[in-house]
Amino acid sequence: MTFELLLAIIAIIISISSVIIQKKELSAQREELSKTAKANEKSQQSLNLQAKIQALSSQLNAEIHLHNFNNKKEINPEKQKKWATENFNKIQEIKQDIANLL
């Protein structure tokens, strides 16, 4: 075997080893990207859930305020009772919506 042939074989072995190492590194990078994508997706879902809960909480506060206001209003008692009941029912719906999100 000549020296040049031996060098060529060594170069081929090094080249093949390099390709194998790169393939492993790419596989590891792909796995990390996949994990990051899943984490980002869960984070986005969490943010969406938080936004929905905040919106419902604001709506709930408004309905409670209306409920209290309608209970104190000095107008037609029948209308007052109707409004208070509607507000109370809406409050119950919103509370259930929040519970469903959690």
PDB file of N, CA and C in Angstrom:
ATOM      1  N   MET A   1       0.844  -1.158   0.000  1.00  0.00           N
ATOM      2  CA  MET A   1       0.000   0.000   0.000  1.00  0.00           C
ATOM      3  C   MET A   1       0.899   1.235   0.000  1.00  0.00           C
ATOM      4  N   THR A   2       0.550   2.129  -0.828  1.00  0.00           N
ATOM      5  CA  THR A   2       1.378   3.333  -0.901  1.00  0.00           C
ATOM      6  C   THR A   2       0.933   4.345   0.147  1.00  0.00           C
ATOM      7  N   PHE A   3       1.799   5.235   0.406  1.00  0.00           N
ATOM      8  CA  PHE A   3       1.532   6.265   1.401  1.00  0.00           C
ATOM      9  C   PHE A   3       0.354   7.145   0.999  1.00  0.00           C
ATOM     10  N   GLU A   4       0.236   7.479  -0.274  1.00  0.00           N
ATOM     11  CA  GLU A   4      -0.856   8.311  -0.769  1.00  0.00           C
ATOM     12  C   GLU A   4      -2.199   7.615  -0.595  1.00  0.00           C
ATOM     13  N   LEU A   5      -2.226   6.303  -0.852  1.00  0.00           N
ATOM     14  CA  LEU A   5      -3.456   5.530  -0.694  1.00  0.00           C
ATOM     15  C   LEU A   5      -3.865   5.500   0.774  1.00  0.00           C
ATOM     16  N   LEU A   6      -2.903   5.328   1.643  1.00  0.00           N
ATOM     17  CA  LEU A   6      -3.179   5.322   3.078  1.00  0.00           C
ATOM     18  C   LEU A   6      -3.730   6.678   3.525  1.00  0.00           C
ATOM     19  N   LEU A   7      -3.158   7.762   3.028  1.00  0.00           N
ATOM     20  CA  LEU A   7      -3.661   9.101   3.342  1.00  0.00           C
ATOM     21  C   LEU A   7      -5.082   9.301   2.817  1.00  0.00           C
ATOM     22  N   ALA A   8      -5.366   8.788   1.628  1.00  0.00           N
ATOM     23  CA  ALA A   8      -6.708   8.901   1.037  1.00  0.00           C
ATOM     24  C   ALA A   8      -7.724   8.151   1.889  1.00  0.00           C
ATOM     25  N   ILE A   9      -7.362   6.955   2.356  1.00  0.00           N
ATOM     26  CA  ILE A   9      -8.268   6.158   3.200  1.00  0.00           C
ATOM     27  C   ILE A   9      -8.518   6.889   4.522  1.00  0.00           C
ATOM     28  N   ILE A  10      -7.477   7.446   5.106  1.00  0.00           N
ATOM     29  CA  ILE A  10      -7.626   8.198   6.358  1.00  0.00           C
ATOM     30  C   ILE A  10      -8.526   9.418   6.137  1.00  0.00           C
ATOM     31  N   ALA A  11      -8.341  10.105   5.014  1.00  0.00           N
ATOM     32  CA  ALA A  11      -9.165  11.275   4.696  1.00  0.00           C
ATOM     33  C   ALA A  11     -10.629  10.879   4.538  1.00  0.00           C
ATOM     34  N   ILE A  12     -10.883   9.724   3.897  1.00  0.00           N
ATOM     35  CA  ILE A  12     -12.256   9.233   3.720  1.00  0.00           C
ATOM     36  C   ILE A  12     -12.872   8.900   5.080  1.00  0.00           C
ATOM     37  N   ILE A  13     -12.105   8.243   5.939  1.00  0.00           N
ATOM     38  CA  ILE A  13     -12.603   7.883   7.278  1.00  0.00           C
ATOM     39  C   ILE A  13     -12.926   9.148   8.077  1.00  0.00           C
ATOM     40  N   ILE A  14     -12.050  10.130   8.006  1.00  0.00           N
ATOM     41  CA  ILE A  14     -12.294  11.399   8.709  1.00  0.00           C
ATOM     42  C   ILE A  14     -13.541  12.081   8.152  1.00  0.00           C
ATOM     43  N   SER A  15     -13.683  12.068   6.848  1.00  0.00           N
ATOM     44  CA  SER A  15     -14.841  12.683   6.201  1.00  0.00           C
ATOM     45  C   SER A  15     -16.140  11.997   6.625  1.00  0.00           C
ATOM     46  N   ILE A  16     -16.128  10.661   6.631  1.00  0.00           N
ATOM     47  CA  ILE A  16     -17.317   9.899   7.042  1.00  0.00           C
ATOM     48  C   ILE A  16     -17.629  10.183   8.513  1.00  0.00           C
ATOM     49  N   SER A  17     -16.595  10.215   9.341  1.00  0.00           N
ATOM     50  CA  SER A  17     -16.797  10.519  10.767  1.00  0.00           C
ATOM     51  C   SER A  17     -17.400  11.906  10.945  1.00  0.00           C
ATOM     52  N   SER A  18     -16.927  12.851  10.175  1.00  0.00           N
ATOM     53  CA  SER A  18     -17.437  14.216  10.241  1.00  0.00           C
ATOM     54  C   SER A  18     -18.915  14.267   9.861  1.00  0.00           C
ATOM     55  N   VAL A  19     -19.288  13.538   8.827  1.00  0.00           N
ATOM     56  CA  VAL A  19     -20.693  13.494   8.394  1.00  0.00           C
ATOM     57  C   VAL A  19     -21.568  12.875   9.484  1.00  0.00           C
ATOM     58  N   ILE A  20     -21.075  11.815  10.107  1.00  0.00           N
ATOM     59  CA  ILE A  20     -21.840  11.151  11.179  1.00  0.00           C
ATOM     60  C   ILE A  20     -22.035  12.109  12.357  1.00  0.00           C
ATOM     61  N   ILE A  21     -20.974  12.819  12.719  1.00  0.00           N
ATOM     62  CA  ILE A  21     -21.067  13.776  13.830  1.00  0.00           C
ATOM     63  C   ILE A  21     -22.054  14.898  13.491  1.00  0.00           C
ATOM     64  N   GLN A  22     -21.977  15.416  12.263  1.00  0.00           N
ATOM     65  CA  GLN A  22     -22.899  16.476  11.844  1.00  0.00           C
ATOM     66  C   GLN A  22     -24.348  15.994  11.869  1.00  0.00           C
ATOM     67  N   LYS A  23     -24.557  14.759  11.449  1.00  0.00           N
ATOM     68  CA  LYS A  23     -25.909  14.200  11.447  1.00  0.00           C
ATOM     69  C   LYS A  23     -26.453  14.128  12.875  1.00  0.00           C
ATOM     70  N   LYS A  24     -25.609  13.694  13.819  1.00  0.00           N
ATOM     71  CA  LYS A  24     -26.036  13.626  15.220  1.00  0.00           C
ATOM     72  C   LYS A  24     -26.341  15.023  15.763  1.00  0.00           C
ATOM     73  N   GLU A  25     -25.498  15.985  15.417  1.00  0.00           N
ATOM     74  CA  GLU A  25     -25.721  17.357  15.868  1.00  0.00           C
ATOM     75  C   GLU A  25     -27.015  17.922  15.294  1.00  0.00           C
ATOM     76  N   LEU A  26     -27.265  17.671  14.026  1.00  0.00           N
ATOM     77  CA  LEU A  26     -28.502  18.141  13.399  1.00  0.00           C
ATOM     78  C   LEU A  26     -29.723  17.494  14.036  1.00  0.00           C
ATOM     79  N   SER A  27     -29.609  16.230  14.347  1.00  0.00           N
ATOM     80  CA  SER A  27     -30.711  15.523  14.998  1.00  0.00           C
ATOM     81  C   SER A  27     -30.994  16.131  16.370  1.00  0.00           C
ATOM     82  N   ALA A  28     -29.936  16.435  17.107  1.00  0.00           N
ATOM     83  CA  ALA A  28     -30.100  17.055  18.429  1.00  0.00           C
ATOM     84  C   ALA A  28     -30.709  18.451  18.299  1.00  0.00           C
ATOM     85  N   GLN A  29     -30.270  19.209  17.293  1.00  0.00           N
ATOM     86  CA  GLN A  29     -30.826  20.544  17.068  1.00  0.00           C
ATOM     87  C   GLN A  29     -32.303  20.462  16.691  1.00  0.00           C
ATOM     88  N   ARG A  30     -32.645  19.501  15.864  1.00  0.00           N
ATOM     89  CA  ARG A  30     -34.039  19.303  15.455  1.00  0.00           C
ATOM     90  C   ARG A  30     -34.906  18.993  16.672  1.00  0.00           C
ATOM     91  N   GLU A  31     -34.391  18.152  17.550  1.00  0.00           N
ATOM     92  CA  GLU A  31     -35.127  17.790  18.765  1.00  0.00           C
ATOM     93  C   GLU A  31     -35.313  19.012  19.670  1.00  0.00           C
ATOM     94  N   GLU A  32     -34.262  19.822  19.805  1.00  0.00           N
ATOM     95  CA  GLU A  32     -34.365  21.041  20.613  1.00  0.00           C
ATOM     96  C   GLU A  32     -35.377  22.013  20.017  1.00  0.00           C
ATOM     97  N   LEU A  33     -35.359  22.159  18.696  1.00  0.00           N
ATOM     98  CA  LEU A  33     -36.326  23.044  18.042  1.00  0.00           C
ATOM     99  C   LEU A  33     -37.753  22.553  18.256  1.00  0.00           C
ATOM    100  N   SER A  34     -37.931  21.258  18.205  1.00  0.00           N
ATOM    101  CA  SER A  34     -39.254  20.676  18.434  1.00  0.00           C
ATOM    102  C   SER A  34     -39.723  20.960  19.862  1.00  0.00           C
ATOM    103  N   LYS A  35     -38.824  20.787  20.826  1.00  0.00           N
ATOM    104  CA  LYS A  35     -39.173  21.067  22.227  1.00  0.00           C
ATOM    105  C   LYS A  35     -39.511  22.547  22.411  1.00  0.00           C
ATOM    106  N   THR A  36     -38.723  23.407  21.782  1.00  0.00           N
ATOM    107  CA  THR A  36     -38.963  24.844  21.885  1.00  0.00           C
ATOM    108  C   THR A  36     -40.309  25.214  21.268  1.00  0.00           C
ATOM    109  N   ALA A  37     -40.616  24.626  20.125  1.00  0.00           N
ATOM    110  CA  ALA A  37     -41.898  24.901  19.466  1.00  0.00           C
ATOM    111  C   ALA A  37     -43.068  24.471  20.351  1.00  0.00           C
ATOM    112  N   LYS A  38     -42.950  23.303  20.969  1.00  0.00           N
ATOM    113  CA  LYS A  38     -44.016  22.827  21.863  1.00  0.00           C
ATOM    114  C   LYS A  38     -44.159  23.750  23.064  1.00  0.00           C
ATOM    115  N   ALA A  39     -43.039  24.175  23.623  1.00  0.00           N
ATOM    116  CA  ALA A  39     -43.083  25.085  24.775  1.00  0.00           C
ATOM    117  C   ALA A  39     -43.709  26.421  24.382  1.00  0.00           C
ATOM    118  N   ASN A  40     -43.355  26.922  23.205  1.00  0.00           N
ATOM    119  CA  ASN A  40     -43.930  28.182  22.727  1.00  0.00           C
ATOM    120  C   ASN A  40     -45.436  28.047  22.516  1.00  0.00           C
ATOM    121  N   GLU A  41     -45.852  26.916  21.983  1.00  0.00           N
ATOM    122  CA  GLU A  41     -47.281  26.681  21.753  1.00  0.00           C
ATOM    123  C   GLU A  41     -48.038  26.653  23.083  1.00  0.00           C
ATOM    124  N   LYS A  42     -47.479  25.965  24.077  1.00  0.00           N
ATOM    125  CA  LYS A  42     -48.131  25.908  25.390  1.00  0.00           C
ATOM    126  C   LYS A  42     -48.152  27.293  26.036  1.00  0.00           C
ATOM    127  N   SER A  43     -47.093  28.040  25.850  1.00  0.00           N
ATOM    128  CA  SER A  43     -47.034  29.396  26.390  1.00  0.00           C
ATOM    129  C   SER A  43     -48.106  30.272  25.746  1.00  0.00           C
ATOM    130  N   GLN A  44     -48.275  30.145  24.432  1.00  0.00           N
ATOM    131  CA  GLN A  44     -49.296  30.925  23.724  1.00  0.00           C
ATOM    132  C   GLN A  44     -50.692  30.531  24.181  1.00  0.00           C
ATOM    133  N   GLN A  45     -50.923  29.228  24.369  1.00  0.00           N
ATOM    134  CA  GLN A  45     -52.220  28.768  24.863  1.00  0.00           C
ATOM    135  C   GLN A  45     -52.487  29.347  26.250  1.00  0.00           C
ATOM    136  N   SER A  46     -51.461  29.380  27.069  1.00  0.00           N
ATOM    137  CA  SER A  46     -51.591  29.934  28.415  1.00  0.00           C
ATOM    138  C   SER A  46     -51.924  31.423  28.362  1.00  0.00           C
ATOM    139  N   LEU A  47     -51.258  32.153  27.474  1.00  0.00           N
ATOM    140  CA  LEU A  47     -51.544  33.582  27.322  1.00  0.00           C
ATOM    141  C   LEU A  47     -52.967  33.811  26.825  1.00  0.00           C
ATOM    142  N   ASN A  48     -53.415  32.985  25.883  1.00  0.00           N
ATOM    143  CA  ASN A  48     -54.787  33.104  25.381  1.00  0.00           C
ATOM    144  C   ASN A  48     -55.790  32.841  26.493  1.00  0.00           C
ATOM    145  N   LEU A  49     -55.526  31.817  27.287  1.00  0.00           N
ATOM    146  CA  LEU A  49     -56.400  31.481  28.412  1.00  0.00           C
ATOM    147  C   LEU A  49     -56.427  32.632  29.416  1.00  0.00           C
ATOM    148  N   GLN A  50     -55.264  33.189  29.697  1.00  0.00           N
ATOM    149  CA  GLN A  50     -55.181  34.312  30.629  1.00  0.00           C
ATOM    150  C   GLN A  50     -55.983  35.505  30.105  1.00  0.00           C
ATOM    151  N   ALA A  51     -55.890  35.786  28.818  1.00  0.00           N
ATOM    152  CA  ALA A  51     -56.635  36.903  28.230  1.00  0.00           C
ATOM    153  C   ALA A  51     -58.141  36.668  28.334  1.00  0.00           C
ATOM    154  N   LYS A  52     -58.575  35.433  28.071  1.00  0.00           N
ATOM    155  CA  LYS A  52     -60.004  35.117  28.177  1.00  0.00           C
ATOM    156  C   LYS A  52     -60.487  35.289  29.613  1.00  0.00           C
ATOM    157  N   ILE A  53     -59.695  34.800  30.557  1.00  0.00           N
ATOM    158  CA  ILE A  53     -60.084  34.911  31.967  1.00  0.00           C
ATOM    159  C   ILE A  53     -60.139  36.382  32.392  1.00  0.00           C
ATOM    160  N   GLN A  54     -59.174  37.181  31.939  1.00  0.00           N
ATOM    161  CA  GLN A  54     -59.188  38.603  32.284  1.00  0.00           C
ATOM    162  C   GLN A  54     -60.413  39.301  31.700  1.00  0.00           C
ATOM    163  N   ALA A  55     -60.754  38.962  30.458  1.00  0.00           N
ATOM    164  CA  ALA A  55     -61.936  39.563  29.834  1.00  0.00           C
ATOM    165  C   ALA A  55     -63.200  39.171  30.594  1.00  0.00           C
ATOM    166  N   LEU A  56     -63.300  37.894  30.939  1.00  0.00           N
ATOM    167  CA  LEU A  56     -64.475  37.440  31.686  1.00  0.00           C
ATOM    168  C   LEU A  56     -64.511  38.056  33.084  1.00  0.00           C
ATOM    169  N   SER A  57     -63.359  38.229  33.695  1.00  0.00           N
ATOM    170  CA  SER A  57     -63.313  38.853  35.020  1.00  0.00           C
ATOM    171  C   SER A  57     -63.793  40.301  34.955  1.00  0.00           C
ATOM    172  N   SER A  58     -63.378  41.008  33.916  1.00  0.00           N
ATOM    173  CA  SER A  58     -63.840  42.389  33.741  1.00  0.00           C
ATOM    174  C   SER A  58     -65.346  42.424  33.529  1.00  0.00           C
ATOM    175  N   GLN A  59     -65.822  41.510  32.706  1.00  0.00           N
ATOM    176  CA  GLN A  59     -67.258  41.437  32.458  1.00  0.00           C
ATOM    177  C   GLN A  59     -67.997  41.085  33.751  1.00  0.00           C
ATOM    178  N   LEU A  60     -67.430  40.173  34.517  1.00  0.00           N
ATOM    179  CA  LEU A  60     -68.032  39.780  35.790  1.00  0.00           C
ATOM    180  C   LEU A  60     -68.108  40.981  36.741  1.00  0.00           C
ATOM    181  N   ASN A  61     -67.026  41.750  36.825  1.00  0.00           N
ATOM    182  CA  ASN A  61     -67.034  42.940  37.679  1.00  0.00           C
ATOM    183  C   ASN A  61     -68.107  43.931  37.243  1.00  0.00           C
ATOM    184  N   ALA A  62     -68.239  44.113  35.928  1.00  0.00           N
ATOM    185  CA  ALA A  62     -69.265  45.028  35.415  1.00  0.00           C
ATOM    186  C   ALA A  62     -70.663  44.525  35.762  1.00  0.00           C
ATOM    187  N   GLU A  63     -70.878  43.232  35.599  1.00  0.00           N
ATOM    188  CA  GLU A  63     -72.197  42.670  35.905  1.00  0.00           C
ATOM    189  C   GLU A  63     -72.502  42.767  37.399  1.00  0.00           C
ATOM    190  N   ILE A  64     -71.501  42.548  38.241  1.00  0.00           N
ATOM    191  CA  ILE A  64     -71.715  42.675  39.687  1.00  0.00           C
ATOM    192  C   ILE A  64     -72.058  44.122  40.033  1.00  0.00           C
ATOM    193  N   HIS A  65     -71.354  45.058  39.407  1.00  0.00           N
ATOM    194  CA  HIS A  65     -71.644  46.475  39.635  1.00  0.00           C
ATOM    195  C   HIS A  65     -73.080  46.789  39.217  1.00  0.00           C
ATOM    196  N   LEU A  66     -73.473  46.312  38.035  1.00  0.00           N
ATOM    197  CA  LEU A  66     -74.847  46.539  37.574  1.00  0.00           C
ATOM    198  C   LEU A  66     -75.850  45.888  38.510  1.00  0.00           C
ATOM    199  N   HIS A  67     -75.526  44.695  38.965  1.00  0.00           N
ATOM    200  CA  HIS A  67     -76.422  43.980  39.881  1.00  0.00           C
ATOM    201  C   HIS A  67     -76.625  44.806  41.153  1.00  0.00           C
ATOM    202  N   ASN A  68     -75.533  45.292  41.708  1.00  0.00           N
ATOM    203  CA  ASN A  68     -75.623  46.105  42.925  1.00  0.00           C
ATOM    204  C   ASN A  68     -76.357  47.417  42.666  1.00  0.00           C
ATOM    205  N   PHE A  69     -76.064  48.032  41.516  1.00  0.00           N
ATOM    206  CA  PHE A  69     -76.723  49.291  41.157  1.00  0.00           C
ATOM    207  C   PHE A  69     -78.220  49.070  40.978  1.00  0.00           C
ATOM    208  N   ASN A  70     -78.588  48.017  40.257  1.00  0.00           N
ATOM    209  CA  ASN A  70     -80.005  47.754  40.005  1.00  0.00           C
ATOM    210  C   ASN A  70     -80.746  47.406  41.287  1.00  0.00           C
ATOM    211  N   ASN A  71     -80.072  46.795  42.230  1.00  0.00           N
ATOM    212  CA  ASN A  71     -80.713  46.469  43.501  1.00  0.00           C
ATOM    213  C   ASN A  71     -80.987  47.722  44.329  1.00  0.00           C
ATOM    214  N   LYS A  72     -80.198  48.777  44.119  1.00  0.00           N
ATOM    215  CA  LYS A  72     -80.326  49.984  44.933  1.00  0.00           C
ATOM    216  C   LYS A  72     -81.172  51.059  44.261  1.00  0.00           C
ATOM    217  N   LYS A  73     -81.436  50.892  42.991  1.00  0.00           N
ATOM    218  CA  LYS A  73     -82.167  51.907  42.244  1.00  0.00           C
ATOM    219  C   LYS A  73     -83.562  52.092  42.831  1.00  0.00           C
ATOM    220  N   GLU A  74     -83.957  53.322  42.961  1.00  0.00           N
ATOM    221  CA  GLU A  74     -85.285  53.613  43.500  1.00  0.00           C
ATOM    222  C   GLU A  74     -86.256  53.855  42.343  1.00  0.00           C
ATOM    223  N   ILE A  75     -86.551  52.804  41.603  1.00  0.00           N
ATOM    224  CA  ILE A  75     -87.520  52.905  40.516  1.00  0.00           C
ATOM    225  C   ILE A  75     -88.499  51.757  40.651  1.00  0.00           C
ATOM    226  N   ASN A  76     -89.222  51.524  39.613  1.00  0.00           N
ATOM    227  CA  ASN A  76     -90.234  50.473  39.587  1.00  0.00           C
ATOM    228  C   ASN A  76     -89.667  49.170  40.148  1.00  0.00           C
ATOM    229  N   PRO A  77     -90.223  48.659  41.240  1.00  0.00           N
ATOM    230  CA  PRO A  77     -89.696  47.442  41.868  1.00  0.00           C
ATOM    231  C   PRO A  77     -89.701  46.227  40.943  1.00  0.00           C
ATOM    232  N   GLU A  78     -90.680  46.142  40.053  1.00  0.00           N
ATOM    233  CA  GLU A  78     -90.727  44.999  39.129  1.00  0.00           C
ATOM    234  C   GLU A  78     -89.547  45.040  38.161  1.00  0.00           C
ATOM    235  N   LYS A  79     -89.274  46.231  37.612  1.00  0.00           N
ATOM    236  CA  LYS A  79     -88.120  46.380  36.708  1.00  0.00           C
ATOM    237  C   LYS A  79     -86.825  46.121  37.472  1.00  0.00           C
ATOM    238  N   GLN A  80     -86.774  46.644  38.677  1.00  0.00           N
ATOM    239  CA  GLN A  80     -85.582  46.471  39.509  1.00  0.00           C
ATOM    240  C   GLN A  80     -85.315  44.986  39.742  1.00  0.00           C
ATOM    241  N   LYS A  81     -86.342  44.258  40.082  1.00  0.00           N
ATOM    242  CA  LYS A  81     -86.195  42.824  40.340  1.00  0.00           C
ATOM    243  C   LYS A  81     -85.780  42.090  39.064  1.00  0.00           C
ATOM    244  N   LYS A  82     -86.394  42.459  37.939  1.00  0.00           N
ATOM    245  CA  LYS A  82     -86.068  41.828  36.652  1.00  0.00           C
ATOM    246  C   LYS A  82     -84.596  42.070  36.295  1.00  0.00           C
ATOM    247  N   TRP A  83     -84.143  43.316  36.421  1.00  0.00           N
ATOM    248  CA  TRP A  83     -82.754  43.642  36.084  1.00  0.00           C
ATOM    249  C   TRP A  83     -81.782  42.911  37.005  1.00  0.00           C
ATOM    250  N   ALA A  84     -82.101  42.922  38.286  1.00  0.00           N
ATOM    251  CA  ALA A  84     -81.221  42.253  39.246  1.00  0.00           C
ATOM    252  C   ALA A  84     -81.127  40.759  38.941  1.00  0.00           C
ATOM    253  N   THR A  85     -82.261  40.154  38.580  1.00  0.00           N
ATOM    254  CA  THR A  85     -82.259  38.728  38.233  1.00  0.00           C
ATOM    255  C   THR A  85     -81.437  38.477  36.973  1.00  0.00           C
ATOM    256  N   GLU A  86     -81.613  39.342  35.966  1.00  0.00           N
ATOM    257  CA  GLU A  86     -80.835  39.193  34.724  1.00  0.00           C
ATOM    258  C   GLU A  86     -79.340  39.322  35.011  1.00  0.00           C
ATOM    259  N   ASN A  87     -78.987  40.327  35.805  1.00  0.00           N
ATOM    260  CA  ASN A  87     -77.578  40.510  36.152  1.00  0.00           C
ATOM    261  C   ASN A  87     -77.040  39.312  36.920  1.00  0.00           C
ATOM    262  N   PHE A  88     -77.825  38.823  37.860  1.00  0.00           N
ATOM    263  CA  PHE A  88     -77.396  37.676  38.649  1.00  0.00           C
ATOM    264  C   PHE A  88     -77.193  36.454  37.754  1.00  0.00           C
ATOM    265  N   ASN A  89     -78.113  36.224  36.821  1.00  0.00           N
ATOM    266  CA  ASN A  89     -77.978  35.092  35.899  1.00  0.00           C
ATOM    267  C   ASN A  89     -76.735  35.244  35.033  1.00  0.00           C
ATOM    268  N   LYS A  90     -76.474  36.471  34.580  1.00  0.00           N
ATOM    269  CA  LYS A  90     -75.282  36.720  33.767  1.00  0.00           C
ATOM    270  C   LYS A  90     -74.021  36.472  34.597  1.00  0.00           C
ATOM    271  N   ILE A  91     -74.041  36.888  35.846  1.00  0.00           N
ATOM    272  CA  ILE A  91     -72.901  36.650  36.742  1.00  0.00           C
ATOM    273  C   ILE A  91     -72.643  35.150  36.869  1.00  0.00           C
ATOM    274  N   GLN A  92     -73.703  34.379  37.038  1.00  0.00           N
ATOM    275  CA  GLN A  92     -73.553  32.924  37.163  1.00  0.00           C
ATOM    276  C   GLN A  92     -72.978  32.321  35.877  1.00  0.00           C
ATOM    277  N   GLU A  93     -73.435  32.813  34.719  1.00  0.00           N
ATOM    278  CA  GLU A  93     -72.910  32.318  33.433  1.00  0.00           C
ATOM    279  C   GLU A  93     -71.418  32.610  33.307  1.00  0.00           C
ATOM    280  N   ILE A  94     -71.032  33.829  33.645  1.00  0.00           N
ATOM    281  CA  ILE A  94     -69.620  34.214  33.527  1.00  0.00           C
ATOM    282  C   ILE A  94     -68.761  33.391  34.486  1.00  0.00           C
ATOM    283  N   LYS A  95     -69.246  33.206  35.707  1.00  0.00           N
ATOM    284  CA  LYS A  95     -68.499  32.385  36.664  1.00  0.00           C
ATOM    285  C   LYS A  95     -68.319  30.965  36.130  1.00  0.00           C
ATOM    286  N   GLN A  96     -69.346  30.436  35.484  1.00  0.00           N
ATOM    287  CA  GLN A  96     -69.246  29.092  34.911  1.00  0.00           C
ATOM    288  C   GLN A  96     -68.257  29.075  33.746  1.00  0.00           C
ATOM    289  N   ASP A  97     -68.274  30.133  32.923  1.00  0.00           N
ATOM    290  CA  ASP A  97     -67.317  30.221  31.809  1.00  0.00           C
ATOM    291  C   ASP A  97     -65.882  30.226  32.332  1.00  0.00           C
ATOM    292  N   ILE A  98     -65.639  30.979  33.396  1.00  0.00           N
ATOM    293  CA  ILE A  98     -64.293  31.016  33.987  1.00  0.00           C
ATOM    294  C   ILE A  98     -63.923  29.641  34.531  1.00  0.00           C
ATOM    295  N   ALA A  99     -64.863  29.004  35.215  1.00  0.00           N
ATOM    296  CA  ALA A  99     -64.599  27.661  35.759  1.00  0.00           C
ATOM    297  C   ALA A  99     -64.286  26.676  34.639  1.00  0.00           C
ATOM    298  N   ASN A 100     -64.984  26.795  33.515  1.00  0.00           N
ATOM    299  CA  ASN A 100     -64.729  25.894  32.380  1.00  0.00           C
ATOM    300  C   ASN A 100     -63.336  26.108  31.799  1.00  0.00           C
ATOM    301  N   LEU A 101     -62.869  27.356  31.796  1.00  0.00           N
ATOM    302  CA  LEU A 101     -61.527  27.639  31.273  1.00  0.00           C
ATOM    303  C   LEU A 101     -60.441  27.085  32.183  1.00  0.00           C
ATOM    304  N   LEU A 102     -60.724  27.066  33.468  1.00  0.00           N
ATOM    305  CA  LEU A 102     -59.724  26.571  34.409  1.00  0.00           C
ATOM    306  C   LEU A 102     -59.771  25.064  34.446  1.00  0.00           C
TER     307      LEU A 102
END
